[in-house]
Amino acid sequence: MAMDFITALKNRRSIYGISKETVVSEDKIQELINEAVKHTPSSFNSQSARVVLLLNEQHDKFWDITKETLRKVVNNEEQFASTADKMAAFQSGSGTVLFFEDQSVVEGLQKNFALYADNFPIWSQHSSGMLQFVVWTSLEAEGLGASLQHYNPLVDEAVKQEWNIPASWKLIAQMPFGKPTMQPGEKEFQPLEERVKVFK
């Protein structure tokens, strides 16, 4: 990687100013996604994560779909103007990662391990969160800025139709990325003494 893990961890932030300018090759981005999906842990090694990587026109199409979906639910034109600006900001990037969890895998685990049935949907979300973090940090390490968005379930059906997504895939989050065009502000941290306890 271009930087060590802890440095990437510290630098990873929500970056809303992004552009389509090339930072790394599309092949490299796909490689990062593949490695993240392959090696991020999941409960019972279920490997329930599914990812769709949208680049170029497909990325633009997703944010057009999202904008038009939101247009139908935001009645106030003034409010929609700010929503449209936000969609345009995400669309100004070079790609979007769509994170899914395959519910057929989750339901199979619930059936096969009934004792833990109530936990598998929760553990599925945990696994997805880890994958989102791994992808986000990997993109940061390569000099790309990203943010995590949640326009599901509003866009779910349109996304499934447009990209022929299996019915069992549940959309969890969306991550637009691109070359950073702005830096985030300073981040405040609560005292670690209040958040971490150590017993020796």
N, C-alpha and C. Protein backbone atom coordinates (compact mmCIF):
# COMPACT_ATOMS: atom_id res chain seq x y z
N MET A 1 0.83 -1.20 0.00
CA MET A 1 0.00 0.00 0.00
C MET A 1 0.87 1.25 0.00
N ALA A 2 0.26 2.36 -0.40
CA ALA A 2 1.01 3.60 -0.50
C ALA A 2 1.39 4.17 0.86
N MET A 3 0.69 3.79 1.91
CA MET A 3 1.03 4.25 3.26
C MET A 3 0.72 3.11 4.23
N ASP A 4 1.33 3.18 5.42
CA ASP A 4 1.08 2.10 6.37
C ASP A 4 -0.33 2.19 6.94
N PHE A 5 -0.79 1.10 7.53
CA PHE A 5 -2.18 0.98 7.94
C PHE A 5 -2.59 2.04 8.95
N ILE A 6 -1.78 2.25 9.99
CA ILE A 6 -2.15 3.21 11.04
C ILE A 6 -2.22 4.63 10.48
N THR A 7 -1.31 4.97 9.58
CA THR A 7 -1.37 6.29 8.95
C THR A 7 -2.65 6.44 8.13
N ALA A 8 -2.98 5.40 7.37
CA ALA A 8 -4.23 5.43 6.60
C ALA A 8 -5.44 5.52 7.51
N LEU A 9 -5.39 4.81 8.63
CA LEU A 9 -6.47 4.86 9.61
C LEU A 9 -6.67 6.27 10.14
N LYS A 10 -5.56 6.92 10.48
CA LYS A 10 -5.62 8.29 11.01
C LYS A 10 -6.12 9.28 9.96
N ASN A 11 -5.72 9.05 8.71
CA ASN A 11 -6.07 9.99 7.64
C ASN A 11 -7.47 9.79 7.08
N ARG A 12 -8.03 8.60 7.28
CA ARG A 12 -9.35 8.30 6.72
C ARG A 12 -10.41 9.20 7.32
N ARG A 13 -11.08 9.94 6.48
CA ARG A 13 -12.12 10.87 6.90
C ARG A 13 -13.23 10.89 5.86
N SER A 14 -14.34 11.52 6.19
CA SER A 14 -15.38 11.74 5.18
C SER A 14 -14.94 12.91 4.30
N ILE A 15 -14.72 12.61 3.03
CA ILE A 15 -14.29 13.63 2.07
C ILE A 15 -15.45 13.86 1.10
N TYR A 16 -16.01 15.06 1.12
CA TYR A 16 -17.16 15.37 0.28
C TYR A 16 -16.78 16.10 -1.00
N GLY A 17 -15.61 16.71 -1.03
CA GLY A 17 -15.12 17.34 -2.24
C GLY A 17 -14.25 16.36 -3.01
N ILE A 18 -14.77 15.81 -4.12
CA ILE A 18 -14.03 14.82 -4.89
C ILE A 18 -14.18 15.13 -6.38
N SER A 19 -13.21 14.67 -7.17
CA SER A 19 -13.26 14.89 -8.61
C SER A 19 -13.03 13.58 -9.35
N LYS A 20 -13.21 13.64 -10.67
CA LYS A 20 -13.03 12.47 -11.52
C LYS A 20 -11.58 12.27 -11.94
N GLU A 21 -10.71 13.17 -11.55
CA GLU A 21 -9.31 13.08 -11.96
C GLU A 21 -8.69 11.77 -11.48
N THR A 22 -7.93 11.13 -12.34
CA THR A 22 -7.35 9.82 -12.04
C THR A 22 -6.26 9.91 -10.99
N VAL A 23 -6.36 9.09 -9.97
CA VAL A 23 -5.34 8.98 -8.92
C VAL A 23 -4.65 7.63 -9.03
N VAL A 24 -5.44 6.57 -9.17
CA VAL A 24 -4.94 5.21 -9.39
C VAL A 24 -5.78 4.58 -10.50
N SER A 25 -5.27 3.52 -11.08
CA SER A 25 -5.97 2.88 -12.20
C SER A 25 -7.24 2.19 -11.72
N GLU A 26 -8.17 2.01 -12.64
CA GLU A 26 -9.40 1.28 -12.32
C GLU A 26 -9.09 -0.16 -11.94
N ASP A 27 -8.07 -0.73 -12.57
CA ASP A 27 -7.67 -2.10 -12.22
C ASP A 27 -7.21 -2.17 -10.77
N LYS A 28 -6.49 -1.14 -10.32
CA LYS A 28 -6.02 -1.12 -8.93
C LYS A 28 -7.19 -1.02 -7.97
N ILE A 29 -8.17 -0.19 -8.30
CA ILE A 29 -9.35 -0.05 -7.45
C ILE A 29 -10.08 -1.39 -7.36
N GLN A 30 -10.25 -2.05 -8.50
CA GLN A 30 -10.91 -3.36 -8.48
C GLN A 30 -10.12 -4.35 -7.64
N GLU A 31 -8.79 -4.30 -7.73
CA GLU A 31 -7.96 -5.19 -6.93
C GLU A 31 -8.17 -4.93 -5.44
N LEU A 32 -8.25 -3.66 -5.04
CA LEU A 32 -8.49 -3.32 -3.64
C LEU A 32 -9.83 -3.89 -3.17
N ILE A 33 -10.85 -3.72 -4.00
CA ILE A 33 -12.18 -4.22 -3.66
C ILE A 33 -12.14 -5.74 -3.51
N ASN A 34 -11.51 -6.40 -4.47
CA ASN A 34 -11.44 -7.87 -4.43
C ASN A 34 -10.75 -8.36 -3.16
N GLU A 35 -9.62 -7.74 -2.81
CA GLU A 35 -8.88 -8.16 -1.63
C GLU A 35 -9.69 -7.89 -0.36
N ALA A 36 -10.39 -6.76 -0.33
CA ALA A 36 -11.20 -6.42 0.85
C ALA A 36 -12.33 -7.43 1.03
N VAL A 37 -13.03 -7.74 -0.06
CA VAL A 37 -14.15 -8.69 0.01
C VAL A 37 -13.64 -10.08 0.41
N LYS A 38 -12.50 -10.46 -0.12
CA LYS A 38 -11.96 -11.80 0.15
C LYS A 38 -11.51 -11.96 1.60
N HIS A 39 -10.90 -10.92 2.18
CA HIS A 39 -10.22 -11.09 3.46
C HIS A 39 -10.91 -10.45 4.66
N THR A 40 -11.98 -9.70 4.46
CA THR A 40 -12.70 -9.14 5.60
C THR A 40 -13.46 -10.25 6.32
N PRO A 41 -13.35 -10.34 7.65
CA PRO A 41 -13.99 -11.45 8.36
C PRO A 41 -15.52 -11.37 8.35
N SER A 42 -16.14 -12.56 8.52
CA SER A 42 -17.59 -12.64 8.62
C SER A 42 -17.93 -13.78 9.58
N SER A 43 -19.09 -13.68 10.22
CA SER A 43 -19.48 -14.70 11.20
C SER A 43 -19.61 -16.06 10.53
N PHE A 44 -19.07 -17.08 11.18
CA PHE A 44 -19.09 -18.45 10.67
C PHE A 44 -18.45 -18.54 9.27
N ASN A 45 -17.58 -17.58 8.97
CA ASN A 45 -16.97 -17.49 7.64
C ASN A 45 -18.04 -17.55 6.55
N SER A 46 -19.14 -16.86 6.79
CA SER A 46 -20.29 -16.95 5.89
C SER A 46 -20.05 -16.25 4.55
N GLN A 47 -19.14 -15.27 4.53
CA GLN A 47 -18.80 -14.55 3.30
C GLN A 47 -20.07 -14.02 2.62
N SER A 48 -20.92 -13.37 3.42
CA SER A 48 -22.20 -12.89 2.92
C SER A 48 -22.11 -11.54 2.20
N ALA A 49 -20.94 -10.90 2.23
CA ALA A 49 -20.79 -9.59 1.60
C ALA A 49 -20.86 -9.70 0.09
N ARG A 50 -21.50 -8.73 -0.52
CA ARG A 50 -21.54 -8.59 -1.97
C ARG A 50 -21.25 -7.13 -2.28
N VAL A 51 -20.54 -6.88 -3.36
CA VAL A 51 -20.16 -5.51 -3.71
C VAL A 51 -20.39 -5.29 -5.20
N VAL A 52 -20.86 -4.11 -5.53
CA VAL A 52 -20.94 -3.66 -6.92
C VAL A 52 -20.08 -2.40 -7.02
N LEU A 53 -19.11 -2.42 -7.92
CA LEU A 53 -18.25 -1.27 -8.16
C LEU A 53 -18.72 -0.57 -9.42
N LEU A 54 -19.14 0.68 -9.27
CA LEU A 54 -19.62 1.47 -10.39
C LEU A 54 -18.58 2.53 -10.75
N LEU A 55 -18.17 2.54 -12.00
CA LEU A 55 -17.17 3.49 -12.46
C LEU A 55 -17.70 4.28 -13.65
N ASN A 56 -17.17 5.48 -13.81
CA ASN A 56 -17.46 6.31 -14.98
C ASN A 56 -18.95 6.55 -15.17
N GLU A 57 -19.51 6.19 -16.35
CA GLU A 57 -20.92 6.48 -16.63
C GLU A 57 -21.86 5.73 -15.69
N GLN A 58 -21.45 4.53 -15.25
CA GLN A 58 -22.29 3.76 -14.34
C GLN A 58 -22.38 4.45 -12.98
N HIS A 59 -21.27 5.01 -12.53
CA HIS A 59 -21.26 5.81 -11.30
C HIS A 59 -22.19 7.01 -11.44
N ASP A 60 -22.09 7.73 -12.56
CA ASP A 60 -22.95 8.89 -12.79
C ASP A 60 -24.42 8.47 -12.79
N LYS A 61 -24.69 7.33 -13.41
CA LYS A 61 -26.06 6.85 -13.50
C LYS A 61 -26.66 6.59 -12.12
N PHE A 62 -25.84 6.02 -11.21
CA PHE A 62 -26.36 5.75 -9.87
C PHE A 62 -26.82 7.04 -9.20
N TRP A 63 -26.03 8.10 -9.30
CA TRP A 63 -26.40 9.34 -8.62
C TRP A 63 -27.53 10.07 -9.33
N ASP A 64 -27.69 9.86 -10.64
CA ASP A 64 -28.88 10.37 -11.34
C ASP A 64 -30.12 9.65 -10.82
N ILE A 65 -30.03 8.33 -10.69
CA ILE A 65 -31.15 7.54 -10.17
C ILE A 65 -31.50 7.99 -8.75
N THR A 66 -30.48 8.18 -7.93
CA THR A 66 -30.72 8.60 -6.55
C THR A 66 -31.38 9.97 -6.49
N LYS A 67 -30.89 10.87 -7.33
CA LYS A 67 -31.47 12.23 -7.36
C LYS A 67 -32.94 12.19 -7.76
N GLU A 68 -33.25 11.43 -8.81
CA GLU A 68 -34.63 11.38 -9.27
C GLU A 68 -35.53 10.65 -8.28
N THR A 69 -34.99 9.67 -7.57
CA THR A 69 -35.76 8.99 -6.53
C THR A 69 -36.09 9.94 -5.40
N LEU A 70 -35.11 10.74 -5.00
CA LEU A 70 -35.32 11.70 -3.91
C LEU A 70 -36.25 12.84 -4.34
N ARG A 71 -36.23 13.18 -5.62
CA ARG A 71 -37.11 14.23 -6.12
C ARG A 71 -38.57 13.88 -5.84
N LYS A 72 -38.89 12.59 -5.88
CA LYS A 72 -40.26 12.14 -5.68
C LYS A 72 -40.71 12.21 -4.22
N VAL A 73 -39.75 12.27 -3.29
CA VAL A 73 -40.11 12.25 -1.87
C VAL A 73 -39.85 13.59 -1.17
N VAL A 74 -39.10 14.48 -1.82
CA VAL A 74 -38.85 15.80 -1.23
C VAL A 74 -39.80 16.78 -1.90
N ASN A 75 -40.82 17.20 -1.17
CA ASN A 75 -41.87 18.03 -1.76
C ASN A 75 -41.46 19.49 -1.91
N ASN A 76 -40.64 19.96 -1.00
CA ASN A 76 -40.24 21.36 -0.99
C ASN A 76 -39.12 21.59 -2.00
N GLU A 77 -39.36 22.48 -2.97
CA GLU A 77 -38.38 22.73 -4.03
C GLU A 77 -37.08 23.30 -3.48
N GLU A 78 -37.17 24.12 -2.46
CA GLU A 78 -35.97 24.70 -1.86
C GLU A 78 -35.13 23.62 -1.18
N GLN A 79 -35.80 22.71 -0.48
CA GLN A 79 -35.08 21.60 0.14
C GLN A 79 -34.46 20.69 -0.91
N PHE A 80 -35.19 20.49 -2.01
CA PHE A 80 -34.64 19.61 -3.04
C PHE A 80 -33.41 20.22 -3.70
N ALA A 81 -33.34 21.52 -3.78
CA ALA A 81 -32.17 22.17 -4.38
C ALA A 81 -30.90 21.79 -3.63
N SER A 82 -30.97 21.78 -2.31
CA SER A 82 -29.79 21.39 -1.54
C SER A 82 -29.51 19.89 -1.70
N THR A 83 -30.57 19.08 -1.82
CA THR A 83 -30.40 17.65 -2.07
C THR A 83 -29.73 17.42 -3.43
N ALA A 84 -30.17 18.15 -4.45
CA ALA A 84 -29.60 18.02 -5.78
C ALA A 84 -28.12 18.41 -5.77
N ASP A 85 -27.79 19.45 -5.01
CA ASP A 85 -26.38 19.86 -4.89
C ASP A 85 -25.54 18.75 -4.27
N LYS A 86 -26.10 18.08 -3.28
CA LYS A 86 -25.39 16.99 -2.61
C LYS A 86 -25.17 15.84 -3.58
N MET A 87 -26.20 15.50 -4.37
CA MET A 87 -26.06 14.43 -5.35
C MET A 87 -25.00 14.78 -6.39
N ALA A 88 -24.98 16.05 -6.80
CA ALA A 88 -23.98 16.49 -7.78
C ALA A 88 -22.57 16.38 -7.22
N ALA A 89 -22.42 16.65 -5.92
CA ALA A 89 -21.11 16.54 -5.28
C ALA A 89 -20.63 15.10 -5.29
N PHE A 90 -21.53 14.17 -4.97
CA PHE A 90 -21.15 12.76 -5.00
C PHE A 90 -20.85 12.32 -6.43
N GLN A 91 -21.65 12.79 -7.38
CA GLN A 91 -21.48 12.41 -8.78
C GLN A 91 -20.19 12.96 -9.36
N SER A 92 -19.64 14.01 -8.77
CA SER A 92 -18.41 14.61 -9.30
C SER A 92 -17.20 13.72 -9.09
N GLY A 93 -17.36 12.64 -8.30
CA GLY A 93 -16.28 11.68 -8.11
C GLY A 93 -16.14 10.74 -9.29
N SER A 94 -15.26 9.77 -9.15
CA SER A 94 -14.97 8.86 -10.26
C SER A 94 -15.62 7.50 -10.11
N GLY A 95 -16.14 7.19 -8.92
CA GLY A 95 -16.75 5.87 -8.74
C GLY A 95 -17.56 5.78 -7.47
N THR A 96 -18.33 4.72 -7.36
CA THR A 96 -19.12 4.44 -6.17
C THR A 96 -19.06 2.95 -5.88
N VAL A 97 -18.88 2.62 -4.61
CA VAL A 97 -18.94 1.23 -4.17
C VAL A 97 -20.30 1.01 -3.51
N LEU A 98 -21.04 0.03 -4.00
CA LEU A 98 -22.32 -0.34 -3.39
C LEU A 98 -22.08 -1.59 -2.55
N PHE A 99 -22.42 -1.51 -1.27
CA PHE A 99 -22.24 -2.63 -0.35
C PHE A 99 -23.57 -3.33 -0.13
N PHE A 100 -23.58 -4.64 -0.30
CA PHE A 100 -24.77 -5.47 -0.10
C PHE A 100 -24.44 -6.60 0.88
N GLU A 101 -25.49 -7.18 1.47
CA GLU A 101 -25.38 -8.43 2.20
C GLU A 101 -26.40 -9.40 1.60
N ASP A 102 -25.92 -10.59 1.30
CA ASP A 102 -26.79 -11.60 0.68
C ASP A 102 -27.66 -12.24 1.75
N GLN A 103 -28.95 -11.94 1.71
CA GLN A 103 -29.87 -12.43 2.73
C GLN A 103 -30.11 -13.92 2.66
N SER A 104 -29.87 -14.52 1.49
CA SER A 104 -30.02 -15.98 1.40
C SER A 104 -28.96 -16.68 2.25
N VAL A 105 -27.77 -16.07 2.34
CA VAL A 105 -26.71 -16.62 3.20
C VAL A 105 -27.11 -16.48 4.67
N VAL A 106 -27.60 -15.30 5.02
CA VAL A 106 -28.01 -15.03 6.40
C VAL A 106 -29.14 -15.98 6.81
N GLU A 107 -30.12 -16.13 5.94
CA GLU A 107 -31.26 -17.01 6.25
C GLU A 107 -30.83 -18.47 6.33
N GLY A 108 -29.85 -18.87 5.51
CA GLY A 108 -29.33 -20.22 5.59
C GLY A 108 -28.66 -20.50 6.92
N LEU A 109 -27.92 -19.51 7.42
CA LEU A 109 -27.28 -19.65 8.73
C LEU A 109 -28.33 -19.74 9.83
N GLN A 110 -29.38 -18.92 9.71
CA GLN A 110 -30.44 -18.96 10.71
C GLN A 110 -31.11 -20.34 10.75
N LYS A 111 -31.27 -20.94 9.59
CA LYS A 111 -31.89 -22.26 9.52
C LYS A 111 -30.97 -23.34 10.08
N ASN A 112 -29.69 -23.25 9.73
CA ASN A 112 -28.75 -24.30 10.11
C ASN A 112 -28.25 -24.19 11.55
N PHE A 113 -28.30 -22.96 12.10
CA PHE A 113 -27.83 -22.74 13.47
C PHE A 113 -28.90 -21.97 14.23
N ALA A 114 -30.02 -22.63 14.48
CA ALA A 114 -31.21 -21.98 15.03
C ALA A 114 -30.93 -21.30 16.37
N LEU A 115 -30.00 -21.82 17.13
CA LEU A 115 -29.70 -21.24 18.43
C LEU A 115 -29.25 -19.78 18.32
N TYR A 116 -28.61 -19.45 17.21
CA TYR A 116 -28.09 -18.10 17.00
C TYR A 116 -28.91 -17.30 15.98
N ALA A 117 -30.08 -17.78 15.66
CA ALA A 117 -30.86 -17.21 14.55
C ALA A 117 -31.04 -15.70 14.67
N ASP A 118 -31.32 -15.21 15.86
CA ASP A 118 -31.57 -13.78 16.04
C ASP A 118 -30.30 -12.95 15.83
N ASN A 119 -29.15 -13.58 15.99
CA ASN A 119 -27.89 -12.85 15.91
C ASN A 119 -27.35 -12.71 14.49
N PHE A 120 -27.71 -13.61 13.59
CA PHE A 120 -27.09 -13.58 12.27
C PHE A 120 -27.33 -12.29 11.49
N PRO A 121 -28.54 -11.70 11.52
CA PRO A 121 -28.69 -10.40 10.85
C PRO A 121 -27.80 -9.32 11.46
N ILE A 122 -27.62 -9.35 12.78
CA ILE A 122 -26.75 -8.38 13.46
C ILE A 122 -25.30 -8.61 13.06
N TRP A 123 -24.88 -9.86 13.07
CA TRP A 123 -23.50 -10.18 12.70
C TRP A 123 -23.24 -9.86 11.24
N SER A 124 -24.25 -10.00 10.41
CA SER A 124 -24.13 -9.63 9.00
C SER A 124 -23.82 -8.14 8.86
N GLN A 125 -24.52 -7.32 9.66
CA GLN A 125 -24.25 -5.88 9.65
C GLN A 125 -22.85 -5.57 10.16
N HIS A 126 -22.41 -6.32 11.19
CA HIS A 126 -21.04 -6.13 11.69
C HIS A 126 -20.03 -6.38 10.58
N SER A 127 -20.22 -7.48 9.87
CA SER A 127 -19.30 -7.84 8.79
C SER A 127 -19.29 -6.78 7.70
N SER A 128 -20.48 -6.28 7.35
CA SER A 128 -20.55 -5.24 6.33
C SER A 128 -19.84 -3.98 6.78
N GLY A 129 -20.01 -3.62 8.06
CA GLY A 129 -19.32 -2.45 8.59
C GLY A 129 -17.81 -2.59 8.50
N MET A 130 -17.31 -3.80 8.81
CA MET A 130 -15.87 -4.03 8.70
C MET A 130 -15.42 -3.89 7.25
N LEU A 131 -16.21 -4.43 6.32
CA LEU A 131 -15.84 -4.34 4.91
C LEU A 131 -15.83 -2.88 4.45
N GLN A 132 -16.82 -2.12 4.87
CA GLN A 132 -16.86 -0.70 4.51
C GLN A 132 -15.61 0.02 5.01
N PHE A 133 -15.23 -0.30 6.24
CA PHE A 133 -14.03 0.31 6.83
C PHE A 133 -12.77 -0.09 6.06
N VAL A 134 -12.65 -1.37 5.71
CA VAL A 134 -11.47 -1.84 4.98
C VAL A 134 -11.38 -1.16 3.61
N VAL A 135 -12.49 -1.09 2.90
CA VAL A 135 -12.49 -0.45 1.58
C VAL A 135 -12.16 1.03 1.71
N TRP A 136 -12.79 1.70 2.67
CA TRP A 136 -12.59 3.13 2.87
C TRP A 136 -11.13 3.43 3.18
N THR A 137 -10.55 2.66 4.08
CA THR A 137 -9.16 2.87 4.47
C THR A 137 -8.22 2.53 3.31
N SER A 138 -8.55 1.51 2.54
CA SER A 138 -7.74 1.14 1.38
C SER A 138 -7.76 2.24 0.32
N LEU A 139 -8.92 2.83 0.10
CA LEU A 139 -9.01 3.95 -0.85
C LEU A 139 -8.19 5.13 -0.36
N GLU A 140 -8.28 5.42 0.93
CA GLU A 140 -7.48 6.50 1.53
C GLU A 140 -5.99 6.25 1.32
N ALA A 141 -5.57 5.02 1.53
CA ALA A 141 -4.15 4.68 1.39
C ALA A 141 -3.64 4.90 -0.03
N GLU A 142 -4.55 4.88 -1.00
CA GLU A 142 -4.16 5.10 -2.40
C GLU A 142 -4.36 6.55 -2.84
N GLY A 143 -4.71 7.42 -1.89
CA GLY A 143 -4.85 8.84 -2.22
C GLY A 143 -6.23 9.25 -2.69
N LEU A 144 -7.23 8.40 -2.46
CA LEU A 144 -8.60 8.71 -2.84
C LEU A 144 -9.41 9.15 -1.63
N GLY A 145 -10.32 10.08 -1.84
CA GLY A 145 -11.23 10.52 -0.79
C GLY A 145 -12.58 9.85 -0.98
N ALA A 146 -13.26 9.57 0.12
CA ALA A 146 -14.55 8.88 0.06
C ALA A 146 -15.42 9.31 1.23
N SER A 147 -16.70 8.98 1.12
CA SER A 147 -17.64 9.15 2.24
C SER A 147 -18.63 8.01 2.19
N LEU A 148 -19.31 7.79 3.29
CA LEU A 148 -20.27 6.69 3.37
C LEU A 148 -21.69 7.26 3.39
N GLN A 149 -22.52 6.78 2.48
CA GLN A 149 -23.89 7.29 2.33
C GLN A 149 -24.90 6.15 2.48
N HIS A 150 -26.13 6.55 2.81
CA HIS A 150 -27.19 5.55 3.03
C HIS A 150 -28.50 6.05 2.41
N TYR A 151 -28.64 5.82 1.11
CA TYR A 151 -29.89 6.18 0.43
C TYR A 151 -30.79 4.96 0.22
N ASN A 152 -30.40 3.86 0.83
CA ASN A 152 -31.26 2.69 0.89
C ASN A 152 -32.23 2.89 2.07
N PRO A 153 -33.44 2.39 2.03
CA PRO A 153 -33.99 1.53 0.98
C PRO A 153 -34.66 2.27 -0.17
N LEU A 154 -34.58 3.60 -0.19
CA LEU A 154 -35.29 4.36 -1.22
C LEU A 154 -34.87 3.95 -2.63
N VAL A 155 -33.59 3.67 -2.82
CA VAL A 155 -33.10 3.40 -4.17
C VAL A 155 -32.98 1.91 -4.49
N ASP A 156 -33.33 1.06 -3.54
CA ASP A 156 -33.06 -0.38 -3.69
C ASP A 156 -33.64 -0.97 -4.97
N GLU A 157 -34.92 -0.77 -5.21
CA GLU A 157 -35.56 -1.41 -6.35
C GLU A 157 -35.01 -0.89 -7.67
N ALA A 158 -34.76 0.41 -7.75
CA ALA A 158 -34.20 0.98 -8.98
C ALA A 158 -32.81 0.44 -9.25
N VAL A 159 -32.02 0.28 -8.20
CA VAL A 159 -30.67 -0.27 -8.33
C VAL A 159 -30.74 -1.72 -8.82
N LYS A 160 -31.61 -2.51 -8.22
CA LYS A 160 -31.73 -3.92 -8.62
C LYS A 160 -32.14 -4.05 -10.09
N GLN A 161 -33.04 -3.18 -10.52
CA GLN A 161 -33.49 -3.23 -11.92
C GLN A 161 -32.39 -2.78 -12.87
N GLU A 162 -31.71 -1.71 -12.53
CA GLU A 162 -30.71 -1.14 -13.44
C GLU A 162 -29.51 -2.06 -13.64
N TRP A 163 -29.05 -2.69 -12.56
CA TRP A 163 -27.83 -3.51 -12.65
C TRP A 163 -28.11 -5.01 -12.45
N ASN A 164 -29.36 -5.39 -12.56
CA ASN A 164 -29.74 -6.82 -12.50
C ASN A 164 -29.18 -7.48 -11.24
N ILE A 165 -29.42 -6.84 -10.10
CA ILE A 165 -28.94 -7.33 -8.81
C ILE A 165 -29.86 -8.44 -8.32
N PRO A 166 -29.29 -9.56 -7.84
CA PRO A 166 -30.14 -10.63 -7.31
C PRO A 166 -31.08 -10.15 -6.21
N ALA A 167 -32.25 -10.72 -6.16
CA ALA A 167 -33.28 -10.29 -5.20
C ALA A 167 -32.82 -10.46 -3.76
N SER A 168 -31.95 -11.43 -3.50
CA SER A 168 -31.52 -11.70 -2.12
C SER A 168 -30.45 -10.72 -1.62
N TRP A 169 -29.91 -9.89 -2.50
CA TRP A 169 -28.89 -8.93 -2.08
C TRP A 169 -29.56 -7.70 -1.47
N LYS A 170 -29.24 -7.41 -0.23
CA LYS A 170 -29.79 -6.24 0.46
C LYS A 170 -28.77 -5.11 0.46
N LEU A 171 -29.16 -3.96 -0.08
CA LEU A 171 -28.26 -2.81 -0.12
C LEU A 171 -28.07 -2.24 1.27
N ILE A 172 -26.81 -2.05 1.67
CA ILE A 172 -26.48 -1.59 3.00
C ILE A 172 -25.96 -0.15 3.00
N ALA A 173 -25.09 0.18 2.04
CA ALA A 173 -24.47 1.51 2.04
C ALA A 173 -23.88 1.80 0.68
N GLN A 174 -23.57 3.07 0.44
CA GLN A 174 -22.97 3.51 -0.80
C GLN A 174 -21.76 4.38 -0.47
N MET A 175 -20.67 4.21 -1.23
CA MET A 175 -19.44 4.95 -0.95
C MET A 175 -18.92 5.62 -2.23
N PRO A 176 -19.29 6.89 -2.45
CA PRO A 176 -18.71 7.61 -3.58
C PRO A 176 -17.26 7.99 -3.28
N PHE A 177 -16.41 7.92 -4.30
CA PHE A 177 -14.99 8.24 -4.10
C PHE A 177 -14.42 8.97 -5.31
N GLY A 178 -13.29 9.60 -5.09
CA GLY A 178 -12.58 10.29 -6.17
C GLY A 178 -11.37 11.00 -5.62
N LYS A 179 -10.72 11.77 -6.47
CA LYS A 179 -9.57 12.53 -6.01
C LYS A 179 -10.05 13.65 -5.09
N PRO A 180 -9.48 13.78 -3.89
CA PRO A 180 -9.94 14.84 -2.98
C PRO A 180 -9.68 16.23 -3.55
N THR A 181 -10.67 17.09 -3.45
CA THR A 181 -10.52 18.48 -3.87
C THR A 181 -10.58 19.43 -2.68
N MET A 182 -10.76 18.87 -1.49
CA MET A 182 -10.79 19.69 -0.27
C MET A 182 -10.33 18.81 0.89
N GLN A 183 -9.92 19.45 1.95
CA GLN A 183 -9.49 18.73 3.14
C GLN A 183 -10.55 18.87 4.22
N PRO A 184 -10.76 17.84 5.01
CA PRO A 184 -11.75 17.94 6.10
C PRO A 184 -11.24 18.84 7.21
N GLY A 185 -12.16 19.33 8.02
CA GLY A 185 -11.76 20.16 9.16
C GLY A 185 -11.13 19.33 10.25
N GLU A 186 -10.68 20.01 11.28
CA GLU A 186 -10.08 19.31 12.41
C GLU A 186 -11.12 18.42 13.09
N LYS A 187 -10.66 17.27 13.53
CA LYS A 187 -11.54 16.32 14.20
C LYS A 187 -11.27 16.34 15.69
N GLU A 188 -12.32 16.45 16.48
CA GLU A 188 -12.16 16.46 17.93
C GLU A 188 -12.30 15.04 18.47
N PHE A 189 -11.53 14.74 19.50
CA PHE A 189 -11.55 13.41 20.09
C PHE A 189 -11.89 13.50 21.57
N GLN A 190 -12.77 12.61 22.01
CA GLN A 190 -13.06 12.51 23.43
C GLN A 190 -11.86 11.86 24.12
N PRO A 191 -11.65 12.17 25.39
CA PRO A 191 -10.50 11.59 26.10
C PRO A 191 -10.55 10.06 26.08
N LEU A 192 -9.44 9.46 25.71
CA LEU A 192 -9.38 8.00 25.66
C LEU A 192 -9.59 7.37 27.03
N GLU A 193 -9.24 8.11 28.08
CA GLU A 193 -9.43 7.59 29.44
C GLU A 193 -10.90 7.31 29.73
N GLU A 194 -11.79 8.02 29.03
CA GLU A 194 -13.22 7.82 29.23
C GLU A 194 -13.79 6.73 28.31
N ARG A 195 -12.98 6.27 27.36
CA ARG A 195 -13.47 5.33 26.37
C ARG A 195 -12.80 3.96 26.43
N VAL A 196 -11.64 3.90 27.04
CA VAL A 196 -10.88 2.66 27.09
C VAL A 196 -10.54 2.32 28.53
N LYS A 197 -10.81 1.10 28.94
CA LYS A 197 -10.42 0.64 30.27
C LYS A 197 -9.44 -0.51 30.12
N VAL A 198 -8.38 -0.47 30.89
CA VAL A 198 -7.34 -1.52 30.84
C VAL A 198 -7.19 -2.12 32.22
N PHE A 199 -7.22 -3.43 32.29
CA PHE A 199 -7.03 -4.13 33.56
C PHE A 199 -5.83 -5.06 33.41
N LYS A 200 -4.88 -4.95 34.35
CA LYS A 200 -3.66 -5.77 34.27
C LYS A 200 -3.57 -6.70 35.47
